[in-house]
Amino acid sequence: MARYFFDVHDSQVTTLDEYGAECADRAAVSDEALRVLCEIAGDWPQRHLHHGLRVTVRDTNGHIVHAAAIHLSAQWLDEDRPATSPSPCGTAGMAA
């Protein structure tokens, strides 16, 4: 297995992967890049809203061999309804 480094780029900062991960093949590299994107976007989705989030993958020689990206967006479609401060998902209407 070869070692690859998954560098994360968002609208504010680039974080270089210092440790890397061993991947069996190209599919595993792509899967890991997508997993990293989803994990980061899921941890703090508002930070990445309307901004791109990208992972570039380097091999042990420092060459970028793969890239993956996501773009999060959200838009209310019922503009005639007043905005309210929503409860966290899954808690609305639940008894304490």
PDB file of N, CA and C in Angstrom:
ATOM      1  N   MET A   1       0.840  -1.187   0.000  1.00  0.00           N
ATOM      2  CA  MET A   1       0.000   0.000   0.000  1.00  0.00           C
ATOM      3  C   MET A   1       0.883   1.248   0.000  1.00  0.00           C
ATOM      4  N   ALA A   2       0.397   2.250  -0.668  1.00  0.00           N
ATOM      5  CA  ALA A   2       1.126   3.518  -0.755  1.00  0.00           C
ATOM      6  C   ALA A   2       0.533   4.530   0.220  1.00  0.00           C
ATOM      7  N   ARG A   3       1.348   5.484   0.646  1.00  0.00           N
ATOM      8  CA  ARG A   3       0.898   6.540   1.552  1.00  0.00           C
ATOM      9  C   ARG A   3       0.534   7.776   0.736  1.00  0.00           C
ATOM     10  N   TYR A   4      -0.593   8.382   1.111  1.00  0.00           N
ATOM     11  CA  TYR A   4      -1.081   9.599   0.473  1.00  0.00           C
ATOM     12  C   TYR A   4      -1.400  10.626   1.551  1.00  0.00           C
ATOM     13  N   PHE A   5      -1.319  11.902   1.177  1.00  0.00           N
ATOM     14  CA  PHE A   5      -1.550  13.006   2.095  1.00  0.00           C
ATOM     15  C   PHE A   5      -2.739  13.818   1.598  1.00  0.00           C
ATOM     16  N   PHE A   6      -3.696  14.073   2.494  1.00  0.00           N
ATOM     17  CA  PHE A   6      -4.972  14.677   2.140  1.00  0.00           C
ATOM     18  C   PHE A   6      -5.014  16.110   2.688  1.00  0.00           C
ATOM     19  N   ASP A   7      -4.698  17.075   1.837  1.00  0.00           N
ATOM     20  CA  ASP A   7      -4.655  18.485   2.228  1.00  0.00           C
ATOM     21  C   ASP A   7      -6.032  19.110   2.029  1.00  0.00           C
ATOM     22  N   VAL A   8      -6.474  19.866   3.031  1.00  0.00           N
ATOM     23  CA  VAL A   8      -7.819  20.446   3.021  1.00  0.00           C
ATOM     24  C   VAL A   8      -7.722  21.943   2.761  1.00  0.00           C
ATOM     25  N   HIS A   9      -8.536  22.422   1.823  1.00  0.00           N
ATOM     26  CA  HIS A   9      -8.569  23.839   1.448  1.00  0.00           C
ATOM     27  C   HIS A   9     -10.009  24.336   1.593  1.00  0.00           C
ATOM     28  N   ASP A  10     -10.210  25.361   2.425  1.00  0.00           N
ATOM     29  CA  ASP A  10     -11.524  25.997   2.461  1.00  0.00           C
ATOM     30  C   ASP A  10     -11.347  27.472   2.131  1.00  0.00           C
ATOM     31  N   SER A  11     -12.379  28.258   2.302  1.00  0.00           N
ATOM     32  CA  SER A  11     -12.312  29.664   1.897  1.00  0.00           C
ATOM     33  C   SER A  11     -11.380  30.490   2.779  1.00  0.00           C
ATOM     34  N   GLN A  12     -10.981  29.950   3.924  1.00  0.00           N
ATOM     35  CA  GLN A  12     -10.183  30.730   4.858  1.00  0.00           C
ATOM     36  C   GLN A  12      -8.776  30.191   5.095  1.00  0.00           C
ATOM     37  N   VAL A  13      -8.585  28.902   4.951  1.00  0.00           N
ATOM     38  CA  VAL A  13      -7.302  28.322   5.343  1.00  0.00           C
ATOM     39  C   VAL A  13      -7.022  27.038   4.565  1.00  0.00           C
ATOM     40  N   THR A  14      -5.748  26.719   4.441  1.00  0.00           N
ATOM     41  CA  THR A  14      -5.317  25.434   3.895  1.00  0.00           C
ATOM     42  C   THR A  14      -4.625  24.675   5.016  1.00  0.00           C
ATOM     43  N   THR A  15      -5.028  23.432   5.212  1.00  0.00           N
ATOM     44  CA  THR A  15      -4.425  22.580   6.230  1.00  0.00           C
ATOM     45  C   THR A  15      -3.724  21.428   5.539  1.00  0.00           C
ATOM     46  N   LEU A  16      -2.401  21.374   5.715  1.00  0.00           N
ATOM     47  CA  LEU A  16      -1.619  20.312   5.100  1.00  0.00           C
ATOM     48  C   LEU A  16      -1.594  19.083   6.001  1.00  0.00           C
ATOM     49  N   ASP A  17      -1.822  17.938   5.407  1.00  0.00           N
ATOM     50  CA  ASP A  17      -1.793  16.656   6.107  1.00  0.00           C
ATOM     51  C   ASP A  17      -0.332  16.258   6.321  1.00  0.00           C
ATOM     52  N   GLU A  18       0.084  16.167   7.568  1.00  0.00           N
ATOM     53  CA  GLU A  18       1.469  15.820   7.882  1.00  0.00           C
ATOM     54  C   GLU A  18       1.696  14.322   8.039  1.00  0.00           C
ATOM     55  N   TYR A  19       0.620  13.554   8.232  1.00  0.00           N
ATOM     56  CA  TYR A  19       0.756  12.133   8.535  1.00  0.00           C
ATOM     57  C   TYR A  19       0.391  11.226   7.375  1.00  0.00           C
ATOM     58  N   GLY A  20      -0.656  11.578   6.660  1.00  0.00           N
ATOM     59  CA  GLY A  20      -1.090  10.766   5.536  1.00  0.00           C
ATOM     60  C   GLY A  20      -1.813   9.507   5.965  1.00  0.00           C
ATOM     61  N   ALA A  21      -2.204   8.755   4.967  1.00  0.00           N
ATOM     62  CA  ALA A  21      -2.898   7.486   5.184  1.00  0.00           C
ATOM     63  C   ALA A  21      -2.474   6.524   4.091  1.00  0.00           C
ATOM     64  N   GLU A  22      -2.408   5.265   4.447  1.00  0.00           N
ATOM     65  CA  GLU A  22      -2.080   4.249   3.453  1.00  0.00           C
ATOM     66  C   GLU A  22      -3.354   3.816   2.750  1.00  0.00           C
ATOM     67  N   CYS A  23      -3.286   3.750   1.436  1.00  0.00           N
ATOM     68  CA  CYS A  23      -4.439   3.367   0.622  1.00  0.00           C
ATOM     69  C   CYS A  23      -4.030   2.246  -0.321  1.00  0.00           C
ATOM     70  N   ALA A  24      -4.915   1.279  -0.473  1.00  0.00           N
ATOM     71  CA  ALA A  24      -4.615   0.093  -1.275  1.00  0.00           C
ATOM     72  C   ALA A  24      -4.594   0.374  -2.770  1.00  0.00           C
ATOM     73  N   ASP A  25      -5.466   1.295  -3.221  1.00  0.00           N
ATOM     74  CA  ASP A  25      -5.565   1.549  -4.657  1.00  0.00           C
ATOM     75  C   ASP A  25      -6.188   2.918  -4.898  1.00  0.00           C
ATOM     76  N   ARG A  26      -6.373   3.254  -6.165  1.00  0.00           N
ATOM     77  CA  ARG A  26      -6.923   4.563  -6.533  1.00  0.00           C
ATOM     78  C   ARG A  26      -8.332   4.770  -5.989  1.00  0.00           C
ATOM     79  N   ALA A  27      -9.134   3.730  -5.992  1.00  0.00           N
ATOM     80  CA  ALA A  27     -10.495   3.847  -5.461  1.00  0.00           C
ATOM     81  C   ALA A  27     -10.463   4.193  -3.975  1.00  0.00           C
ATOM     82  N   ALA A  28      -9.536   3.608  -3.240  1.00  0.00           N
ATOM     83  CA  ALA A  28      -9.419   3.891  -1.811  1.00  0.00           C
ATOM     84  C   ALA A  28      -8.982   5.334  -1.571  1.00  0.00           C
ATOM     85  N   VAL A  29      -8.119   5.866  -2.428  1.00  0.00           N
ATOM     86  CA  VAL A  29      -7.699   7.266  -2.328  1.00  0.00           C
ATOM     87  C   VAL A  29      -8.902   8.178  -2.529  1.00  0.00           C
ATOM     88  N   SER A  30      -9.678   7.920  -3.559  1.00  0.00           N
ATOM     89  CA  SER A  30     -10.861   8.728  -3.845  1.00  0.00           C
ATOM     90  C   SER A  30     -11.877   8.631  -2.712  1.00  0.00           C
ATOM     91  N   ASP A  31     -12.109   7.422  -2.213  1.00  0.00           N
ATOM     92  CA  ASP A  31     -13.044   7.232  -1.100  1.00  0.00           C
ATOM     93  C   ASP A  31     -12.605   8.015   0.132  1.00  0.00           C
ATOM     94  N   GLU A  32     -11.319   7.984   0.439  1.00  0.00           N
ATOM     95  CA  GLU A  32     -10.806   8.701   1.611  1.00  0.00           C
ATOM     96  C   GLU A  32     -10.939  10.210   1.429  1.00  0.00           C
ATOM     97  N   ALA A  33     -10.674  10.717   0.243  1.00  0.00           N
ATOM     98  CA  ALA A  33     -10.835  12.149  -0.017  1.00  0.00           C
ATOM     99  C   ALA A  33     -12.285  12.574   0.192  1.00  0.00           C
ATOM    100  N   LEU A  34     -13.215  11.787  -0.300  1.00  0.00           N
ATOM    101  CA  LEU A  34     -14.634  12.105  -0.124  1.00  0.00           C
ATOM    102  C   LEU A  34     -15.054  11.985   1.338  1.00  0.00           C
ATOM    103  N   ARG A  35     -14.529  11.002   2.048  1.00  0.00           N
ATOM    104  CA  ARG A  35     -14.848  10.834   3.463  1.00  0.00           C
ATOM    105  C   ARG A  35     -14.367  12.053   4.260  1.00  0.00           C
ATOM    106  N   VAL A  36     -13.160  12.512   3.962  1.00  0.00           N
ATOM    107  CA  VAL A  36     -12.609  13.688   4.639  1.00  0.00           C
ATOM    108  C   VAL A  36     -13.496  14.907   4.388  1.00  0.00           C
ATOM    109  N   LEU A  37     -13.897  15.123   3.144  1.00  0.00           N
ATOM    110  CA  LEU A  37     -14.770  16.255   2.816  1.00  0.00           C
ATOM    111  C   LEU A  37     -16.075  16.202   3.598  1.00  0.00           C
ATOM    112  N   CYS A  38     -16.716  15.054   3.597  1.00  0.00           N
ATOM    113  CA  CYS A  38     -18.004  14.916   4.281  1.00  0.00           C
ATOM    114  C   CYS A  38     -17.863  15.105   5.785  1.00  0.00           C
ATOM    115  N   GLU A  39     -16.791  14.589   6.357  1.00  0.00           N
ATOM    116  CA  GLU A  39     -16.569  14.737   7.795  1.00  0.00           C
ATOM    117  C   GLU A  39     -16.377  16.199   8.170  1.00  0.00           C
ATOM    118  N   ILE A  40     -15.555  16.906   7.428  1.00  0.00           N
ATOM    119  CA  ILE A  40     -15.296  18.313   7.737  1.00  0.00           C
ATOM    120  C   ILE A  40     -16.548  19.156   7.522  1.00  0.00           C
ATOM    121  N   ALA A  41     -17.228  18.963   6.424  1.00  0.00           N
ATOM    122  CA  ALA A  41     -18.450  19.731   6.148  1.00  0.00           C
ATOM    123  C   ALA A  41     -19.520  19.434   7.189  1.00  0.00           C
ATOM    124  N   GLY A  42     -19.605  18.196   7.642  1.00  0.00           N
ATOM    125  CA  GLY A  42     -20.603  17.818   8.634  1.00  0.00           C
ATOM    126  C   GLY A  42     -20.320  18.360  10.021  1.00  0.00           C
ATOM    127  N   ASP A  43     -19.047  18.567  10.353  1.00  0.00           N
ATOM    128  CA  ASP A  43     -18.688  19.069  11.676  1.00  0.00           C
ATOM    129  C   ASP A  43     -19.101  20.520  11.888  1.00  0.00           C
ATOM    130  N   TRP A  44     -19.067  21.323  10.854  1.00  0.00           N
ATOM    131  CA  TRP A  44     -19.383  22.752  10.973  1.00  0.00           C
ATOM    132  C   TRP A  44     -19.949  23.242   9.644  1.00  0.00           C
ATOM    133  N   PRO A  45     -21.158  22.803   9.288  1.00  0.00           N
ATOM    134  CA  PRO A  45     -21.686  23.123   7.957  1.00  0.00           C
ATOM    135  C   PRO A  45     -21.860  24.619   7.697  1.00  0.00           C
ATOM    136  N   GLN A  46     -22.213  25.410   8.706  1.00  0.00           N
ATOM    137  CA  GLN A  46     -22.412  26.847   8.479  1.00  0.00           C
ATOM    138  C   GLN A  46     -21.130  27.535   8.022  1.00  0.00           C
ATOM    139  N   ARG A  47     -19.981  27.063   8.484  1.00  0.00           N
ATOM    140  CA  ARG A  47     -18.709  27.677   8.071  1.00  0.00           C
ATOM    141  C   ARG A  47     -18.472  27.492   6.577  1.00  0.00           C
ATOM    142  N   HIS A  48     -18.924  26.391   6.045  1.00  0.00           N
ATOM    143  CA  HIS A  48     -18.654  26.062   4.648  1.00  0.00           C
ATOM    144  C   HIS A  48     -19.821  26.397   3.718  1.00  0.00           C
ATOM    145  N   LEU A  49     -20.888  26.962   4.277  1.00  0.00           N
ATOM    146  CA  LEU A  49     -22.061  27.303   3.482  1.00  0.00           C
ATOM    147  C   LEU A  49     -21.703  28.370   2.452  1.00  0.00           C
ATOM    148  N   HIS A  50     -22.023  28.106   1.204  1.00  0.00           N
ATOM    149  CA  HIS A  50     -21.777  28.999   0.065  1.00  0.00           C
ATOM    150  C   HIS A  50     -20.290  29.182  -0.252  1.00  0.00           C
ATOM    151  N   HIS A  51     -19.468  28.313   0.266  1.00  0.00           N
ATOM    152  CA  HIS A  51     -18.032  28.333  -0.029  1.00  0.00           C
ATOM    153  C   HIS A  51     -17.614  26.928  -0.434  1.00  0.00           C
ATOM    154  N   GLY A  52     -16.640  26.846  -1.256  1.00  0.00           N
ATOM    155  CA  GLY A  52     -16.128  25.547  -1.648  1.00  0.00           C
ATOM    156  C   GLY A  52     -15.247  24.943  -0.571  1.00  0.00           C
ATOM    157  N   LEU A  53     -15.221  23.647  -0.533  1.00  0.00           N
ATOM    158  CA  LEU A  53     -14.340  22.887   0.339  1.00  0.00           C
ATOM    159  C   LEU A  53     -13.672  21.856  -0.550  1.00  0.00           C
ATOM    160  N   ARG A  54     -12.341  21.807  -0.498  1.00  0.00           N
ATOM    161  CA  ARG A  54     -11.608  20.978  -1.445  1.00  0.00           C
ATOM    162  C   ARG A  54     -10.533  20.188  -0.722  1.00  0.00           C
ATOM    163  N   VAL A  55     -10.290  18.982  -1.207  1.00  0.00           N
ATOM    164  CA  VAL A  55      -9.186  18.156  -0.737  1.00  0.00           C
ATOM    165  C   VAL A  55      -8.305  17.846  -1.937  1.00  0.00           C
ATOM    166  N   THR A  56      -7.014  18.114  -1.798  1.00  0.00           N
ATOM    167  CA  THR A  56      -6.060  17.658  -2.804  1.00  0.00           C
ATOM    168  C   THR A  56      -5.227  16.560  -2.161  1.00  0.00           C
ATOM    169  N   VAL A  57      -4.880  15.578  -2.961  1.00  0.00           N
ATOM    170  CA  VAL A  57      -4.161  14.412  -2.457  1.00  0.00           C
ATOM    171  C   VAL A  57      -2.766  14.397  -3.065  1.00  0.00           C
ATOM    172  N   ARG A  58      -1.758  14.316  -2.189  1.00  0.00           N
ATOM    173  CA  ARG A  58      -0.369  14.235  -2.628  1.00  0.00           C
ATOM    174  C   ARG A  58       0.165  12.826  -2.413  1.00  0.00           C
ATOM    175  N   ASP A  59       1.049  12.402  -3.307  1.00  0.00           N
ATOM    176  CA  ASP A  59       1.753  11.138  -3.091  1.00  0.00           C
ATOM    177  C   ASP A  59       3.017  11.424  -2.272  1.00  0.00           C
ATOM    178  N   THR A  60       3.819  10.407  -2.006  1.00  0.00           N
ATOM    179  CA  THR A  60       5.011  10.593  -1.172  1.00  0.00           C
ATOM    180  C   THR A  60       6.078  11.453  -1.840  1.00  0.00           C
ATOM    181  N   ASN A  61       5.962  11.667  -3.140  1.00  0.00           N
ATOM    182  CA  ASN A  61       6.885  12.554  -3.854  1.00  0.00           C
ATOM    183  C   ASN A  61       6.408  14.005  -3.863  1.00  0.00           C
ATOM    184  N   GLY A  62       5.241  14.259  -3.265  1.00  0.00           N
ATOM    185  CA  GLY A  62       4.697  15.606  -3.214  1.00  0.00           C
ATOM    186  C   GLY A  62       3.869  16.005  -4.414  1.00  0.00           C
ATOM    187  N   HIS A  63       3.640  15.078  -5.333  1.00  0.00           N
ATOM    188  CA  HIS A  63       2.828  15.376  -6.519  1.00  0.00           C
ATOM    189  C   HIS A  63       1.344  15.263  -6.181  1.00  0.00           C
ATOM    190  N   ILE A  64       0.576  16.245  -6.615  1.00  0.00           N
ATOM    191  CA  ILE A  64      -0.877  16.171  -6.441  1.00  0.00           C
ATOM    192  C   ILE A  64      -1.412  15.181  -7.462  1.00  0.00           C
ATOM    193  N   VAL A  65      -2.069  14.131  -6.957  1.00  0.00           N
ATOM    194  CA  VAL A  65      -2.527  13.053  -7.829  1.00  0.00           C
ATOM    195  C   VAL A  65      -4.050  12.944  -7.900  1.00  0.00           C
ATOM    196  N   HIS A  66      -4.747  13.649  -7.006  1.00  0.00           N
ATOM    197  CA  HIS A  66      -6.209  13.547  -6.987  1.00  0.00           C
ATOM    198  C   HIS A  66      -6.767  14.796  -6.313  1.00  0.00           C
ATOM    199  N   ALA A  67      -7.973  15.168  -6.684  1.00  0.00           N
ATOM    200  CA  ALA A  67      -8.664  16.283  -6.035  1.00  0.00           C
ATOM    201  C   ALA A  67     -10.143  15.959  -5.950  1.00  0.00           C
ATOM    202  N   ALA A  68     -10.757  16.418  -4.883  1.00  0.00           N
ATOM    203  CA  ALA A  68     -12.198  16.254  -4.699  1.00  0.00           C
ATOM    204  C   ALA A  68     -12.720  17.538  -4.058  1.00  0.00           C
ATOM    205  N   ALA A  69     -13.960  17.899  -4.355  1.00  0.00           N
ATOM    206  CA  ALA A  69     -14.513  19.143  -3.826  1.00  0.00           C
ATOM    207  C   ALA A  69     -16.013  19.019  -3.631  1.00  0.00           C
ATOM    208  N   ILE A  70     -16.517  19.823  -2.701  1.00  0.00           N
ATOM    209  CA  ILE A  70     -17.960  19.960  -2.522  1.00  0.00           C
ATOM    210  C   ILE A  70     -18.267  21.443  -2.337  1.00  0.00           C
ATOM    211  N   HIS A  71     -19.505  21.786  -2.622  1.00  0.00           N
ATOM    212  CA  HIS A  71     -19.983  23.147  -2.410  1.00  0.00           C
ATOM    213  C   HIS A  71     -21.320  23.033  -1.703  1.00  0.00           C
ATOM    214  N   LEU A  72     -21.422  23.614  -0.521  1.00  0.00           N
ATOM    215  CA  LEU A  72     -22.669  23.578   0.231  1.00  0.00           C
ATOM    216  C   LEU A  72     -23.464  24.846  -0.040  1.00  0.00           C
ATOM    217  N   SER A  73     -24.743  24.685  -0.260  1.00  0.00           N
ATOM    218  CA  SER A  73     -25.615  25.842  -0.402  1.00  0.00           C
ATOM    219  C   SER A  73     -26.960  25.508   0.214  1.00  0.00           C
ATOM    220  N   ALA A  74     -27.644  26.538   0.656  1.00  0.00           N
ATOM    221  CA  ALA A  74     -28.970  26.370   1.246  1.00  0.00           C
ATOM    222  C   ALA A  74     -29.791  27.610   0.918  1.00  0.00           C
ATOM    223  N   GLN A  75     -31.063  27.403   0.635  1.00  0.00           N
ATOM    224  CA  GLN A  75     -31.933  28.522   0.294  1.00  0.00           C
ATOM    225  C   GLN A  75     -33.353  28.171   0.699  1.00  0.00           C
ATOM    226  N   TRP A  76     -33.993  29.080   1.421  1.00  0.00           N
ATOM    227  CA  TRP A  76     -35.402  28.891   1.744  1.00  0.00           C
ATOM    228  C   TRP A  76     -36.217  29.105   0.483  1.00  0.00           C
ATOM    229  N   LEU A  77     -37.168  28.230   0.227  1.00  0.00           N
ATOM    230  CA  LEU A  77     -37.991  28.316  -0.978  1.00  0.00           C
ATOM    231  C   LEU A  77     -39.372  28.888  -0.698  1.00  0.00           C
ATOM    232  N   ASP A  78     -39.713  29.037   0.569  1.00  0.00           N
ATOM    233  CA  ASP A  78     -41.016  29.588   0.933  1.00  0.00           C
ATOM    234  C   ASP A  78     -40.818  30.976   1.538  1.00  0.00           C
ATOM    235  N   GLU A  79     -40.393  31.913   0.715  1.00  0.00           N
ATOM    236  CA  GLU A  79     -40.038  33.258   1.162  1.00  0.00           C
ATOM    237  C   GLU A  79     -41.209  34.017   1.780  1.00  0.00           C
ATOM    238  N   ASP A  80     -42.444  33.579   1.568  1.00  0.00           N
ATOM    239  CA  ASP A  80     -43.597  34.277   2.120  1.00  0.00           C
ATOM    240  C   ASP A  80     -43.801  33.978   3.601  1.00  0.00           C
ATOM    241  N   ARG A  81     -43.092  32.989   4.141  1.00  0.00           N
ATOM    242  CA  ARG A  81     -43.231  32.651   5.558  1.00  0.00           C
ATOM    243  C   ARG A  81     -42.202  33.432   6.362  1.00  0.00           C
ATOM    244  N   PRO A  82     -42.579  33.893   7.559  1.00  0.00           N
ATOM    245  CA  PRO A  82     -41.626  34.649   8.376  1.00  0.00           C
ATOM    246  C   PRO A  82     -40.490  33.751   8.864  1.00  0.00           C
ATOM    247  N   ALA A  83     -39.317  34.338   8.954  1.00  0.00           N
ATOM    248  CA  ALA A  83     -38.163  33.592   9.461  1.00  0.00           C
ATOM    249  C   ALA A  83     -38.297  33.415  10.964  1.00  0.00           C
ATOM    250  N   THR A  84     -37.991  32.240  11.444  1.00  0.00           N
ATOM    251  CA  THR A  84     -38.002  31.965  12.876  1.00  0.00           C
ATOM    252  C   THR A  84     -36.668  31.354  13.250  1.00  0.00           C
ATOM    253  N   SER A  85     -36.430  31.311  14.513  1.00  0.00           N
ATOM    254  CA  SER A  85     -35.210  30.679  15.001  1.00  0.00           C
ATOM    255  C   SER A  85     -35.517  29.204  15.222  1.00  0.00           C
ATOM    256  N   PRO A  86     -35.048  28.333  14.333  1.00  0.00           N
ATOM    257  CA  PRO A  86     -35.425  26.926  14.416  1.00  0.00           C
ATOM    258  C   PRO A  86     -34.710  26.185  15.540  1.00  0.00           C
ATOM    259  N   SER A  87     -35.356  25.111  15.985  1.00  0.00           N
ATOM    260  CA  SER A  87     -34.727  24.198  16.935  1.00  0.00           C
ATOM    261  C   SER A  87     -33.742  23.339  16.175  1.00  0.00           C
ATOM    262  N   PRO A  88     -32.762  22.776  16.882  1.00  0.00           N
ATOM    263  CA  PRO A  88     -31.892  21.819  16.197  1.00  0.00           C
ATOM    264  C   PRO A  88     -32.724  20.681  15.619  1.00  0.00           C
ATOM    265  N   CYS A  89     -32.316  20.163  14.497  1.00  0.00           N
ATOM    266  CA  CYS A  89     -33.059  19.077  13.851  1.00  0.00           C
ATOM    267  C   CYS A  89     -33.266  17.921  14.811  1.00  0.00           C
ATOM    268  N   GLY A  90     -34.460  17.365  14.758  1.00  0.00           N
ATOM    269  CA  GLY A  90     -34.757  16.195  15.567  1.00  0.00           C
ATOM    270  C   GLY A  90     -35.255  16.517  16.960  1.00  0.00           C
ATOM    271  N   THR A  91     -35.296  17.810  17.351  1.00  0.00           N
ATOM    272  CA  THR A  91     -35.739  18.132  18.703  1.00  0.00           C
ATOM    273  C   THR A  91     -37.058  18.888  18.734  1.00  0.00           C
ATOM    274  N   ALA A  92     -37.522  19.376  17.599  1.00  0.00           N
ATOM    275  CA  ALA A  92     -38.766  20.143  17.576  1.00  0.00           C
ATOM    276  C   ALA A  92     -39.931  19.263  18.005  1.00  0.00           C
ATOM    277  N   GLY A  93     -40.703  19.757  18.951  1.00  0.00           N
ATOM    278  CA  GLY A  93     -41.894  19.050  19.384  1.00  0.00           C
ATOM    279  C   GLY A  93     -41.638  17.901  20.339  1.00  0.00           C
ATOM    280  N   MET A  94     -40.424  17.710  20.770  1.00  0.00           N
ATOM    281  CA  MET A  94     -40.118  16.618  21.684  1.00  0.00           C
ATOM    282  C   MET A  94     -40.290  17.089  23.115  1.00  0.00           C
ATOM    283  N   ALA A  95     -40.846  16.230  23.939  1.00  0.00           N
ATOM    284  CA  ALA A  95     -41.016  16.554  25.352  1.00  0.00           C
ATOM    285  C   ALA A  95     -39.668  16.509  26.058  1.00  0.00           C
ATOM    286  N   ALA A  96     -39.505  17.395  27.031  1.00  0.00           N
ATOM    287  CA  ALA A  96     -38.235  17.434  27.774  1.00  0.00           C
ATOM    288  C   ALA A  96     -38.158  16.346  28.812  1.00  0.00           C
TER     289      ALA A  96
END
